[in-house]
Protein backbone atom coordinates (compact mmCIF):
# COMPACT_ATOMS: atom_id res chain seq x y z
CA MET A 1 108.43 114.16 124.90
CA ASN A 2 109.04 117.89 126.26
CA ALA A 3 106.14 119.46 127.71
CA THR A 4 107.58 122.90 128.06
CA ALA A 5 106.07 125.55 125.97
CA SER A 6 107.65 128.48 124.32
CA THR A 7 107.36 131.75 126.17
CA ALA A 8 108.29 133.71 123.11
CA THR A 9 105.11 133.36 121.17
CA ALA A 10 103.72 137.04 120.62
CA PRO A 11 104.53 140.18 121.89
CA VAL A 12 102.02 141.46 124.68
CA ARG A 13 100.22 144.63 124.17
CA VAL A 14 99.50 146.83 127.43
CA ALA A 15 96.00 147.25 127.68
CA GLY A 16 95.47 150.80 129.23
CA ALA A 17 97.88 152.27 126.31
CA LYS A 18 95.79 153.32 123.37
CA ASP A 19 97.37 154.44 120.22
CA ARG A 20 95.85 157.35 119.01
CA SER A 21 98.15 158.47 116.46
CA ARG A 22 95.78 157.87 113.79
CA PHE A 23 93.20 159.87 115.53
CA TRP A 24 95.40 163.18 116.09
CA SER A 25 96.87 162.61 112.32
CA GLY A 26 93.18 162.88 111.03
CA LEU A 27 92.01 165.67 113.30
CA SER A 28 95.33 167.84 112.56
CA ALA A 29 94.63 167.27 108.99
CA ALA A 30 90.92 168.18 109.28
CA LEU A 31 91.96 171.34 111.59
CA PHE A 32 94.61 172.58 108.95
CA PRO A 33 92.56 174.39 106.50
CA GLY A 34 90.79 176.41 109.10
CA ALA A 35 94.05 177.34 110.70
CA VAL A 36 94.88 178.46 107.25
CA VAL A 37 91.95 180.56 107.32
CA ALA A 38 92.59 181.90 110.79
CA ALA A 39 95.90 183.08 109.72
CA VAL A 40 94.53 184.79 106.83
CA ILE A 41 92.21 186.59 109.20
CA LEU A 42 94.92 187.39 111.58
CA LEU A 43 96.93 188.92 108.74
CA LEU A 44 94.07 191.08 107.85
CA SER A 45 94.50 192.81 110.90
CA SER A 46 97.97 194.04 110.04
CA VAL A 47 98.71 197.22 108.27
CA ARG A 48 100.75 195.96 105.16
CA VAL A 49 98.06 193.51 104.54
CA SER A 50 94.96 195.83 105.06
CA GLY A 51 96.78 198.50 103.10
CA CYS A 52 97.17 195.87 100.19
CA VAL A 53 93.54 194.68 100.25
CA THR A 54 92.16 198.13 100.42
CA TYR A 55 94.45 200.69 98.58
CA GLY A 56 96.84 198.44 96.59
CA VAL A 57 99.81 199.73 98.33
CA GLN A 58 102.74 197.37 99.20
CA CYS A 59 101.12 194.25 97.67
CA THR A 60 103.39 191.15 97.29
CA ARG A 61 102.66 188.57 94.64
CA GLY A 62 101.81 185.84 96.78
CA LEU A 63 103.25 182.95 99.05
CA PRO A 64 106.65 181.72 98.08
CA GLY A 65 105.21 178.72 96.30
CA ARG A 66 108.05 176.15 97.01
CA LEU A 67 108.09 176.25 100.35
CA PHE A 68 104.59 176.18 101.24
CA LEU A 69 104.07 173.46 98.75
CA TRP A 70 106.62 171.33 99.96
CA SER A 71 105.32 171.68 103.57
CA VAL A 72 101.80 170.96 102.65
CA GLY A 73 102.76 168.00 100.41
CA LEU A 74 104.93 166.61 103.10
CA ALA A 75 102.27 167.02 105.45
CA VAL A 76 99.74 165.00 102.83
CA VAL A 77 102.42 162.00 102.65
CA ALA A 78 102.74 162.24 106.18
CA LEU A 79 99.24 161.80 106.89
CA VAL A 80 99.05 159.01 104.58
CA VAL A 81 101.70 157.10 106.20
CA ALA A 82 100.33 157.98 109.62
CA LEU A 83 96.82 156.10 108.77
CA ALA A 84 98.13 153.38 106.82
CA ALA A 85 101.29 152.21 108.34
CA PRO A 86 101.22 149.06 110.77
CA ALA A 87 103.86 149.84 113.34
CA LEU A 88 103.20 152.14 116.31
CA ARG A 89 106.53 153.73 116.14
CA VAL A 90 106.31 154.78 112.36
CA ARG A 91 102.97 156.23 112.57
CA GLN A 92 104.07 158.17 115.71
CA ALA A 93 107.10 159.36 113.63
CA ALA A 94 104.64 160.40 110.43
CA LEU A 95 102.46 162.16 113.15
CA CYS A 96 105.29 164.03 114.19
CA VAL A 97 106.12 164.95 110.62
CA GLN A 98 103.02 165.73 109.71
CA LEU A 99 102.51 168.32 112.47
CA LEU A 100 105.90 169.93 111.98
CA ALA A 101 105.24 170.23 108.47
CA GLU A 102 101.61 171.79 108.86
CA CYS A 103 103.37 174.41 111.41
CA THR A 104 106.05 175.17 109.02
CA ALA A 105 103.40 176.07 106.41
CA LEU A 106 101.46 178.14 108.70
CA LEU A 107 104.56 180.01 109.63
CA VAL A 108 105.34 180.67 106.07
CA ILE A 109 101.73 182.25 105.53
CA LEU A 110 102.48 184.28 108.82
CA SER A 111 105.95 185.50 108.44
CA TYR A 112 105.72 186.21 104.70
CA TYR A 113 102.90 189.12 105.09
CA ALA A 114 103.86 190.15 108.42
């Protein structure tokens, strides 16, 4: 009989490296509505938006719906993938996509009204 054991049984995980992608994904999703409110408050200090609110001058119809909704929808899908995916690389990629989509949504708000 052969007494040697196979060395390729399971991948060894490094004990010091913790995966925090689920934590950061949930945290960024929880902070996103606050960031939207902060962006709107920041915009209220501009002349254009404050004139629209106060006097009804130079008002726009609203957000460009498609780009904002697509970026928020993409952020939600990336959040679900980041929370549910078993593979580390997939979770990290989903976290990156989520952060980029949330930043895009915030930039749409800031650039459309500024």
